[in-house]
Amino acid sequence: MFDKPRVVAQDASIRIWMEELAKVAAGPAEADGPACPAGPELIDQIRALEELKAAASAAQARAAALVDSAVRRSQADAGVQKEQLGKGIGAQIGFARRESPHRGTQLLGLARILTKEMPKTLQALSGGFISEWRATILARETACLTLADRQRIDDMLAGNPAELEALGDRQLIARIKGLAYGMDPASVVNRAAKAESERFVSCRPAPDTMTYLTGLLPVAHGVEVFATLAREADRLRAAGDSRGRGQIMADTLVERITGRSKAGDVRVEVQLVMTDQTLLAGVAEPAVLPGYGVIPAQFARDLVRGKLEASVSNDGSRNSGSSGNTATEVWLRRLFTAPSTGRLVDMDSKARLVPAGLARFIAARDQNCRMPWCGAPIRHFDHIKPWHVGGTTTANNVQGLCEACNHAKEAPGWACSVSNGELGAAHTVETVTPTGHRYRSAAPASPGVRVA
C-alpha cells in the first residue's frame, strides 16, 4: 500500500530503538505457571513504554508542525492563493501515520496548537506525563478561549505535570470547563450555541450485520428523544411485550422515523452486491452491502426475499423467519466480471461528468473512499487522470473518493495514476504526495473473486 520508508540517520536510530523494544519482555507468557518474581519490573516496563509512546507522540507533533510550515512556505512561493495554503498537508500526515486523511488533519491541527499555543502541554506530553488523547482534550476544551486565556490554562494545568498526570479524562474536562467559564463565560455560552449548529446524524458499520445510527443533538432534544423512547418501552413492557427494553426502544425509533411498523412498507434503495451462485444456488460466498461491508450469504438472500426478520437457532446462527411480508420490491442489476478472476470489469462513457450507471458501478467496486486508510463514504467520483489532460470517463480512470480526500489531492504536487496488471486484476491507484512518497490503494475484492 505504501513505499518503503526513506532511511536517513535519524530514521536509522529510531529503527534501532524498535529492534531493542522488540526484545522487551520477549518469550512465551506462562499464565498457569508459578508467580513471576519479575512482576514489579514488568509493570515498571509497561509504564515506561507508555511514557515512551507519549514522548513519540510529542515528537510526531513537532515534526508535523515543521512539515506544515515548510509546505505552506513552498506553496506560497509557488503562488498558491492564501485561502488554499495548507491543502493536502493533513492527508500526508495521515498517510505517514497510517491514518485516514481526516484523522491526519485532526492530528495536524493538534500539532499546530501544541507547538504554537500550548507549550506546557507539549512539554508534559514529551515527558510522558499525559497521553496524546489527554493533550487533545486540553486543546479541544480550550478552543473557545482567547489565546491569552488558553495559555493561562495551559500554564495552570500542564505547568503542574504531577497533578495533571493524576486526572482522569472526565476530571480533566471538568477542571478545564470550570476554569474556562471563570475566565470567559461568554465564550463558553457562544461555543454551546455554535455546537447546536453542528448537529448531525451518521451511520457506520457495527459487528454482526448491525449498524450504529448516531445523532448529535442539542441536549434538550437528545434527552427528550431518549425519554420518549424509554417511556414507550416501559408502557409496552407493562402491557406484556416480551421484547427487551432496548429492543423496543430501537424498534420504536425505526417505526417513528420511517413511518412504518413492519419491513417493506416504504420504498428505499439498498444496494446489495452478490454473485449469482450466492443468490440462486445457495452457496456460502458472502455478499457486500455498500456503505456497510461484508454480510453473510444467507442474510443477503433473506434481504432479497424480503425476509428481514430473523430467528436465532440454538447454536447462535441466524435463520430466516417468516415475516409474512410480501411488499418488498427487489430489482436486479447485472454487473459483469472477468471470467478468470471474477473481478468487476470496465464500463465507459464519453461524458465528462460520471453518469449515474457508471457511478453505481464505481460505488459497487470501490465501496468506500479509495484513499489509503480512509474508508469514508464515497461522495465524489474523481478522474484519476484529469479530464483536462486527456483522462477518460471510464471505470478504469474513475475512483470513488470522499469530499475531503478529493480536495486534498488537488493541492500542488499531488499525482495519481492507475497501476493495474492483467485483465481482471484488482483496480489499483498509486498516489504520489508532494514529498515523493508513494501509496497504493487496491479496490476491495468483490463477492466471488478468486485470489491467487
Protein backbone atom coordinates (compact mmCIF):
# COMPACT_ATOMS: atom_id res chain seq x y z
CA MET A 1 0.00 0.00 0.00
CA PHE A 2 2.91 2.36 0.55
CA ASP A 3 6.52 2.67 -0.49
CA LYS A 4 9.49 1.69 1.62
CA PRO A 5 10.44 4.44 4.08
CA ARG A 6 13.46 6.57 3.31
CA VAL A 7 16.27 5.76 5.70
CA VAL A 8 18.25 8.73 6.99
CA ALA A 9 20.46 8.88 10.07
CA GLN A 10 17.62 9.82 12.42
CA ASP A 11 15.34 7.14 10.96
CA ALA A 12 18.10 4.57 11.42
CA SER A 13 18.45 5.37 15.13
CA ILE A 14 14.69 5.06 15.59
CA ARG A 15 14.74 1.66 13.92
CA ILE A 16 17.47 0.55 16.30
CA TRP A 17 15.18 1.51 19.18
CA MET A 18 12.39 -0.51 17.56
CA GLU A 19 14.63 -3.57 17.36
CA GLU A 20 15.54 -3.19 21.01
CA LEU A 21 11.89 -2.75 22.03
CA ALA A 22 11.04 -5.97 20.21
CA LYS A 23 13.25 -7.76 22.75
CA VAL A 24 11.44 -6.31 25.77
CA ALA A 25 9.61 -8.99 27.77
CA ALA A 26 10.18 -11.42 24.90
CA GLY A 27 9.22 -15.03 25.44
CA PRO A 28 6.01 -17.01 25.99
CA ALA A 29 3.67 -15.97 28.78
CA GLU A 30 3.17 -18.65 31.43
CA ALA A 31 -0.17 -17.69 32.89
CA ASP A 32 -0.62 -21.08 34.57
CA GLY A 33 2.90 -21.27 35.97
CA PRO A 34 4.31 -20.07 39.30
CA ALA A 35 4.12 -16.39 40.24
CA CYS A 36 6.64 -14.41 38.24
CA PRO A 37 9.23 -12.81 40.52
CA ALA A 38 9.82 -10.12 37.88
CA GLY A 39 6.20 -8.93 38.08
CA PRO A 40 7.02 -5.48 39.53
CA GLU A 41 9.73 -4.95 36.94
CA LEU A 42 7.32 -5.81 34.14
CA ILE A 43 4.77 -3.32 35.46
CA ASP A 44 7.52 -0.70 35.54
CA GLN A 45 8.35 -1.60 31.94
CA ILE A 46 4.74 -1.13 30.89
CA ARG A 47 4.67 2.34 32.49
CA ALA A 48 8.00 3.28 30.88
CA LEU A 49 6.75 2.14 27.46
CA GLU A 50 3.57 4.20 27.91
CA GLU A 51 5.69 7.26 28.65
CA LEU A 52 7.79 6.47 25.58
CA LYS A 53 4.63 6.36 23.44
CA ALA A 54 3.66 9.80 24.76
CA ALA A 55 7.11 11.18 24.01
CA ALA A 56 6.92 9.72 20.50
CA SER A 57 3.54 11.45 20.01
CA ALA A 58 5.12 14.75 21.02
CA ALA A 59 7.96 14.19 18.54
CA GLN A 60 5.39 13.45 15.83
CA ALA A 61 3.56 16.68 16.68
CA ARG A 62 6.75 18.74 16.37
CA ALA A 63 7.61 17.03 13.08
CA ALA A 64 4.08 17.62 11.74
CA ALA A 65 4.27 21.31 12.62
CA LEU A 66 7.59 21.62 10.78
CA VAL A 67 6.13 19.89 7.72
CA ASP A 68 3.17 22.27 7.86
CA SER A 69 5.38 25.35 7.94
CA ALA A 70 7.66 24.10 5.16
CA VAL A 71 4.84 23.11 2.82
CA ARG A 72 2.96 26.37 3.39
CA ARG A 73 6.10 28.36 2.53
CA SER A 74 6.63 26.25 -0.57
CA GLN A 75 3.01 26.69 -1.64
CA ALA A 76 3.19 30.46 -1.04
CA ASP A 77 6.37 30.69 -3.12
CA ALA A 78 4.58 28.79 -5.90
CA GLY A 79 1.82 31.41 -5.96
CA VAL A 80 -0.93 29.39 -4.26
CA GLN A 81 -3.76 31.63 -3.06
CA LYS A 82 -3.79 32.38 0.66
CA GLU A 83 -7.06 30.55 1.33
CA GLN A 84 -5.66 27.43 -0.38
CA LEU A 85 -2.43 27.27 1.63
CA GLY A 86 -2.07 24.06 3.58
CA LYS A 87 -4.32 21.96 1.35
CA GLY A 88 -3.29 18.30 1.38
CA ILE A 89 -0.89 18.52 4.34
CA GLY A 90 -3.27 16.75 6.71
CA ALA A 91 -3.62 13.87 4.24
CA GLN A 92 0.18 13.48 4.09
CA ILE A 93 0.37 13.39 7.90
CA GLY A 94 -2.40 10.79 7.95
CA PHE A 95 -0.66 8.59 5.39
CA ALA A 96 2.61 8.75 7.34
CA ARG A 97 0.76 7.60 10.48
CA ARG A 98 -1.35 5.00 8.63
CA GLU A 99 -4.45 7.01 9.44
CA SER A 100 -7.21 8.46 7.28
CA PRO A 101 -6.70 11.93 5.77
CA HIS A 102 -9.47 13.21 8.08
CA ARG A 103 -7.65 11.89 11.14
CA GLY A 104 -4.38 13.27 9.75
CA THR A 105 -5.94 16.73 9.53
CA GLN A 106 -7.06 16.45 13.16
CA LEU A 107 -3.55 15.44 14.25
CA LEU A 108 -2.04 18.30 12.27
CA GLY A 109 -4.40 20.76 13.98
CA LEU A 110 -3.33 19.39 17.36
CA ALA A 111 0.33 19.73 16.37
CA ARG A 112 -0.15 23.39 15.44
CA ILE A 113 -1.85 24.15 18.74
CA LEU A 114 0.71 22.33 20.88
CA THR A 115 3.74 23.88 19.19
CA LYS A 116 2.38 27.43 18.87
CA GLU A 117 -0.13 27.95 21.68
CA MET A 118 0.24 25.33 24.43
CA PRO A 119 3.96 24.78 25.12
CA LYS A 120 3.42 23.39 28.63
CA THR A 121 1.04 20.72 27.33
CA LEU A 122 3.60 19.75 24.69
CA GLN A 123 6.25 19.59 27.40
CA ALA A 124 4.02 17.34 29.55
CA LEU A 125 3.45 15.08 26.55
CA SER A 126 7.18 14.95 25.82
CA GLY A 127 7.84 13.99 29.44
CA GLY A 128 5.35 11.14 29.31
CA PHE A 129 3.00 12.66 31.91
CA ILE A 130 -0.04 12.65 29.61
CA SER A 131 -1.10 10.71 26.54
CA GLU A 132 -1.81 12.15 23.11
CA TRP A 133 -5.52 11.83 23.88
CA ARG A 134 -5.19 13.88 27.09
CA ALA A 135 -3.30 16.53 25.13
CA THR A 136 -6.18 16.51 22.62
CA ILE A 137 -8.65 17.10 25.46
CA LEU A 138 -6.66 20.10 26.67
CA ALA A 139 -6.59 21.56 23.15
CA ARG A 140 -10.23 20.80 22.41
CA GLU A 141 -11.73 22.13 25.63
CA THR A 142 -9.82 25.42 25.40
CA ALA A 143 -10.62 26.04 21.73
CA CYS A 144 -13.29 28.66 22.51
CA LEU A 145 -10.93 30.85 24.57
CA THR A 146 -8.66 33.66 23.53
CA LEU A 147 -5.00 32.82 23.09
CA ALA A 148 -4.14 34.53 26.39
CA ASP A 149 -6.76 32.56 28.35
CA ARG A 150 -5.82 29.30 26.66
CA GLN A 151 -2.19 29.83 27.63
CA ARG A 152 -3.22 30.63 31.20
CA ILE A 153 -5.00 27.26 31.45
CA ASP A 154 -2.03 25.62 29.74
CA ASP A 155 0.21 27.04 32.44
CA MET A 156 -2.15 26.27 35.34
CA LEU A 157 -2.77 22.63 34.41
CA ALA A 158 0.12 21.44 32.26
CA GLY A 159 2.54 23.57 34.27
CA ASN A 160 1.97 21.12 37.13
CA PRO A 161 2.53 17.77 35.39
CA ALA A 162 2.37 15.67 38.56
CA GLU A 163 -1.14 16.95 39.31
CA LEU A 164 -2.16 16.73 35.65
CA GLU A 165 -0.99 13.12 35.48
CA ALA A 166 -3.42 12.13 38.26
CA LEU A 167 -6.53 13.44 36.48
CA GLY A 168 -8.80 11.09 34.53
CA ASP A 169 -10.47 12.17 31.30
CA ARG A 170 -13.71 13.34 32.93
CA GLN A 171 -11.88 15.05 35.76
CA LEU A 172 -9.66 16.87 33.28
CA ILE A 173 -12.64 18.00 31.19
CA ALA A 174 -14.47 19.23 34.28
CA ARG A 175 -11.38 21.11 35.51
CA ILE A 176 -10.87 22.83 32.15
CA LYS A 177 -14.54 23.76 31.81
CA GLY A 178 -14.57 25.25 35.29
CA LEU A 179 -11.50 27.35 34.60
CA ALA A 180 -12.76 28.39 31.15
CA TYR A 181 -16.14 29.51 32.47
CA GLY A 182 -14.47 31.51 35.22
CA MET A 183 -12.21 33.30 32.74
CA ASP A 184 -14.69 33.94 29.91
CA PRO A 185 -18.34 32.89 30.50
CA ALA A 186 -19.48 34.45 27.22
CA SER A 187 -17.14 32.31 25.13
CA VAL A 188 -18.45 29.11 26.74
CA VAL A 189 -22.05 30.18 26.03
CA ASN A 190 -21.16 31.08 22.45
CA ARG A 191 -19.45 27.74 21.99
CA ALA A 192 -22.62 25.94 23.08
CA ALA A 193 -24.63 27.97 20.57
CA LYS A 194 -22.18 27.14 17.79
CA ALA A 195 -22.24 23.46 18.74
CA GLU A 196 -26.00 23.39 18.17
CA SER A 197 -25.45 24.41 14.55
CA GLU A 198 -23.19 21.36 14.08
CA ARG A 199 -25.89 18.77 14.85
CA PHE A 200 -25.89 15.77 12.51
CA VAL A 201 -26.85 12.12 12.07
CA SER A 202 -24.38 9.45 10.94
CA CYS A 203 -24.46 5.75 10.16
CA ARG A 204 -21.48 3.41 10.47
CA PRO A 205 -20.99 -0.38 10.49
CA ALA A 206 -21.25 -2.42 13.67
CA PRO A 207 -20.35 -6.10 14.16
CA ASP A 208 -22.71 -8.91 13.15
CA THR A 209 -24.62 -7.11 10.36
CA MET A 210 -25.71 -4.27 12.63
CA THR A 211 -25.16 -0.51 12.34
CA TYR A 212 -24.59 2.39 14.69
CA LEU A 213 -27.08 5.17 13.91
CA THR A 214 -25.76 8.19 15.81
CA GLY A 215 -27.38 11.57 16.28
CA LEU A 216 -25.56 14.58 17.70
CA LEU A 217 -28.37 16.75 19.08
CA PRO A 218 -28.83 19.70 21.41
CA VAL A 219 -29.02 18.35 24.94
CA ALA A 220 -32.72 19.14 25.43
CA HIS A 221 -33.69 17.37 22.19
CA GLY A 222 -31.47 14.38 22.86
CA VAL A 223 -32.84 13.88 26.36
CA GLU A 224 -36.39 14.32 25.07
CA VAL A 225 -35.93 11.69 22.34
CA PHE A 226 -34.40 9.18 24.74
CA ALA A 227 -37.07 9.79 27.38
CA THR A 228 -39.84 9.31 24.81
CA LEU A 229 -38.38 6.00 23.64
CA ALA A 230 -37.86 4.86 27.23
CA ARG A 231 -41.41 5.78 28.18
CA GLU A 232 -42.85 3.83 25.24
CA ALA A 233 -40.68 0.82 26.12
CA ASP A 234 -41.88 0.88 29.73
CA ARG A 235 -45.52 1.13 28.55
CA LEU A 236 -45.22 -1.85 26.20
CA ARG A 237 -43.32 -3.93 28.73
CA ALA A 238 -46.02 -3.27 31.31
CA ALA A 239 -48.61 -4.39 28.71
CA GLY A 240 -46.84 -7.73 28.34
CA ASP A 241 -44.48 -7.16 25.39
CA SER A 242 -41.81 -9.87 25.55
CA ARG A 243 -39.07 -7.86 23.84
CA GLY A 244 -36.27 -6.38 25.89
CA ARG A 245 -36.41 -2.70 26.81
CA GLY A 246 -33.55 -1.84 24.45
CA GLN A 247 -35.16 -3.82 21.62
CA ILE A 248 -38.43 -1.94 22.00
CA MET A 249 -36.64 1.42 22.02
CA ALA A 250 -34.74 0.51 18.83
CA ASP A 251 -37.87 -0.76 17.07
CA THR A 252 -39.85 2.31 18.13
CA LEU A 253 -37.09 4.58 16.78
CA VAL A 254 -37.27 2.90 13.37
CA GLU A 255 -41.07 2.94 13.30
CA ARG A 256 -41.38 6.61 14.18
CA ILE A 257 -38.65 7.81 11.82
CA THR A 258 -39.71 5.74 8.80
CA GLY A 259 -43.45 5.85 9.49
CA ARG A 260 -43.78 2.10 9.12
CA SER A 261 -44.45 -0.69 11.53
CA LYS A 262 -43.04 -3.63 9.55
CA ALA A 263 -40.44 -4.23 6.87
CA GLY A 264 -41.20 -3.34 3.27
CA ASP A 265 -43.84 -0.64 3.80
CA VAL A 266 -41.63 2.04 2.24
CA ARG A 267 -39.51 2.09 -0.92
CA VAL A 268 -35.86 2.72 -0.12
CA GLU A 269 -32.95 1.66 -2.34
CA VAL A 270 -30.47 -0.56 -0.51
CA GLN A 271 -27.70 -1.75 -2.81
CA LEU A 272 -26.52 -5.32 -2.43
CA VAL A 273 -23.64 -6.92 -4.37
CA MET A 274 -23.65 -10.70 -4.55
CA THR A 275 -22.85 -13.46 -7.04
CA ASP A 276 -25.49 -15.36 -8.97
CA GLN A 277 -24.32 -18.52 -7.20
CA THR A 278 -24.99 -16.95 -3.81
CA LEU A 279 -28.40 -15.69 -4.92
CA LEU A 280 -29.67 -18.70 -6.86
CA ALA A 281 -27.59 -21.76 -5.92
CA GLY A 282 -27.37 -21.29 -2.16
CA VAL A 283 -23.56 -21.18 -1.98
CA ALA A 284 -21.91 -19.61 1.07
CA GLU A 285 -20.00 -16.84 -0.75
CA PRO A 286 -20.66 -13.66 1.29
CA ALA A 287 -22.17 -10.54 -0.24
CA VAL A 288 -21.33 -6.83 0.12
CA LEU A 289 -23.73 -4.14 1.27
CA PRO A 290 -22.27 -0.79 0.06
CA GLY A 291 -21.98 1.60 2.96
CA TYR A 292 -21.70 -1.31 5.41
CA GLY A 293 -19.41 -4.08 4.22
CA VAL A 294 -19.42 -7.87 4.02
CA ILE A 295 -22.56 -9.71 5.11
CA PRO A 296 -23.28 -13.48 5.31
CA ALA A 297 -24.75 -15.18 2.24
CA GLN A 298 -27.95 -16.30 3.96
CA PHE A 299 -28.54 -12.83 5.35
CA ALA A 300 -28.16 -11.41 1.83
CA ARG A 301 -30.64 -13.93 0.42
CA ASP A 302 -33.09 -13.01 3.17
CA LEU A 303 -32.77 -9.34 2.22
CA VAL A 304 -33.56 -10.14 -1.41
CA ARG A 305 -36.53 -12.26 -0.43
CA GLY A 306 -37.84 -9.59 1.90
CA LYS A 307 -37.43 -11.74 5.00
CA LEU A 308 -35.89 -9.09 7.19
CA GLU A 309 -36.86 -10.70 10.46
CA ALA A 310 -34.61 -13.47 11.74
CA SER A 311 -34.71 -16.01 14.49
CA VAL A 312 -31.69 -17.34 16.30
CA SER A 313 -31.13 -21.08 16.45
CA ASN A 314 -29.75 -22.95 19.43
CA ASP A 315 -26.21 -22.78 18.07
CA GLY A 316 -26.41 -18.99 17.72
CA SER A 317 -26.66 -18.83 13.92
CA ARG A 318 -29.20 -16.59 12.19
CA ASN A 319 -32.09 -18.33 10.43
CA SER A 320 -34.66 -16.59 8.28
CA GLY A 321 -38.01 -16.18 9.91
CA SER A 322 -41.26 -15.77 8.08
CA SER A 323 -42.44 -12.21 8.47
CA GLY A 324 -45.49 -12.66 6.32
CA ASN A 325 -44.48 -9.54 4.43
CA THR A 326 -44.61 -9.52 0.63
CA ALA A 327 -44.44 -5.76 -0.01
CA THR A 328 -40.68 -5.51 -0.59
CA GLU A 329 -39.76 -4.71 -4.20
CA VAL A 330 -36.49 -6.21 -5.45
CA TRP A 331 -34.64 -5.06 -8.59
CA LEU A 332 -31.67 -6.93 -10.03
CA ARG A 333 -28.91 -5.12 -11.92
CA ARG A 334 -26.23 -7.23 -13.63
CA LEU A 335 -22.59 -6.16 -13.23
CA PHE A 336 -20.21 -8.14 -15.41
CA THR A 337 -16.98 -9.64 -14.12
CA ALA A 338 -13.78 -11.01 -15.64
CA PRO A 339 -14.18 -14.78 -16.24
CA SER A 340 -10.68 -15.59 -14.94
CA THR A 341 -10.88 -13.76 -11.63
CA GLY A 342 -14.46 -12.68 -11.02
CA ARG A 343 -13.48 -9.02 -10.55
CA LEU A 344 -15.75 -6.27 -11.81
CA VAL A 345 -14.62 -5.05 -15.26
CA ASP A 346 -14.85 -1.84 -17.22
CA MET A 347 -17.66 0.48 -18.23
CA ASP A 348 -17.10 3.70 -20.18
CA SER A 349 -18.74 6.97 -21.18
CA LYS A 350 -17.90 9.94 -23.40
CA ALA A 351 -19.30 12.36 -20.83
CA ARG A 352 -17.07 14.45 -18.60
CA LEU A 353 -19.40 14.03 -15.64
CA VAL A 354 -19.71 10.45 -14.46
CA PRO A 355 -23.17 9.20 -15.49
CA ALA A 356 -25.46 7.54 -12.97
CA GLY A 357 -24.91 4.00 -14.24
CA LEU A 358 -21.12 4.28 -14.15
CA ALA A 359 -21.31 5.94 -10.73
CA ARG A 360 -23.26 2.97 -9.39
CA PHE A 361 -20.64 0.64 -10.86
CA ILE A 362 -17.77 2.58 -9.22
CA ALA A 363 -19.63 2.67 -5.90
CA ALA A 364 -20.11 -1.09 -6.04
CA ARG A 365 -16.45 -1.68 -6.96
CA ASP A 366 -14.78 0.73 -4.52
CA GLN A 367 -17.33 0.50 -1.67
CA ASN A 368 -15.65 3.33 0.29
CA CYS A 369 -13.20 6.20 -0.33
CA ARG A 370 -10.17 4.83 -2.15
CA MET A 371 -7.52 6.92 -0.40
CA PRO A 372 -5.33 4.70 1.81
CA TRP A 373 -6.64 4.25 5.37
CA CYS A 374 -9.67 6.47 4.78
CA GLY A 375 -12.80 4.32 4.42
CA ALA A 376 -15.23 7.26 4.49
CA PRO A 377 -18.39 7.08 2.35
CA ILE A 378 -17.96 7.96 -1.32
CA ARG A 379 -19.13 11.49 -2.12
CA HIS A 380 -17.22 12.32 -5.34
CA PHE A 381 -16.35 10.34 -8.46
CA ASP A 382 -12.90 11.54 -9.42
CA HIS A 383 -10.97 11.26 -12.69
CA ILE A 384 -7.62 9.66 -11.79
CA LYS A 385 -6.04 11.15 -14.90
CA PRO A 386 -7.77 14.55 -15.07
CA TRP A 387 -10.22 15.19 -17.87
CA HIS A 388 -8.45 18.39 -18.92
CA VAL A 389 -5.25 16.46 -19.73
CA GLY A 390 -6.97 13.71 -21.67
CA GLY A 391 -8.37 11.49 -18.94
CA THR A 392 -11.39 9.45 -19.98
CA THR A 393 -14.63 8.84 -18.14
CA THR A 394 -14.18 5.10 -17.74
CA ALA A 395 -14.35 2.75 -14.80
CA ASN A 396 -10.59 2.29 -15.04
CA ASN A 397 -9.94 6.06 -14.81
CA VAL A 398 -12.50 6.92 -12.14
CA GLN A 399 -12.27 6.29 -8.41
CA GLY A 400 -14.67 6.93 -5.57
CA LEU A 401 -13.44 9.46 -3.02
CA CYS A 402 -14.84 11.29 -0.03
CA GLU A 403 -15.07 15.06 -0.37
CA ALA A 404 -12.06 15.79 1.85
CA CYS A 405 -9.72 13.40 0.01
CA ASN A 406 -10.80 14.69 -3.40
CA HIS A 407 -9.99 18.24 -2.34
CA ALA A 408 -6.68 17.21 -0.74
CA LYS A 409 -5.35 15.60 -3.94
CA GLU A 410 -5.98 18.83 -5.85
CA ALA A 411 -3.16 20.54 -3.92
CA PRO A 412 0.07 21.29 -5.84
CA GLY A 413 2.48 18.38 -6.11
CA TRP A 414 -0.07 15.56 -5.88
CA ALA A 415 -0.41 13.00 -8.67
CA CYS A 416 -2.46 9.84 -9.19
CA SER A 417 -2.21 7.06 -11.76
CA VAL A 418 -3.71 3.65 -12.39
CA SER A 419 -1.26 0.78 -11.91
CA ASN A 420 -3.23 -2.30 -12.92
CA GLY A 421 -1.79 -5.56 -14.13
CA GLU A 422 -3.57 -8.12 -16.28
CA LEU A 423 -7.27 -8.03 -17.14
CA GLY A 424 -9.37 -8.74 -14.08
CA ALA A 425 -6.70 -7.75 -11.55
CA ALA A 426 -7.69 -5.51 -8.67
CA HIS A 427 -8.16 -1.90 -9.75
CA THR A 428 -5.13 -0.19 -8.19
CA VAL A 429 -4.39 3.52 -7.88
CA GLU A 430 -0.97 4.91 -6.97
CA THR A 431 -0.97 8.30 -5.23
CA VAL A 432 2.23 10.36 -5.09
CA THR A 433 2.41 13.13 -2.48
CA PRO A 434 4.47 16.33 -2.84
CA THR A 435 7.27 14.77 -0.77
CA GLY A 436 7.64 11.94 -3.30
CA HIS A 437 6.13 9.23 -1.12
CA ARG A 438 4.02 6.69 -2.98
CA TYR A 439 0.91 4.96 -1.66
CA ARG A 440 -1.11 2.28 -3.46
CA SER A 441 -4.76 1.52 -2.94
CA ALA A 442 -6.47 -1.53 -4.44
CA ALA A 443 -10.21 -1.89 -4.78
CA PRO A 444 -11.59 -4.40 -2.29
CA ALA A 445 -12.36 -7.88 -3.55
CA SER A 446 -15.88 -8.34 -4.86
CA PRO A 447 -18.02 -11.33 -3.87
CA GLY A 448 -16.86 -14.43 -5.72
CA VAL A 449 -13.40 -13.05 -6.51
CA ARG A 450 -10.74 -15.73 -6.84
CA VAL A 451 -7.49 -14.56 -5.32
CA ALA A 452 -4.35 -16.36 -6.45
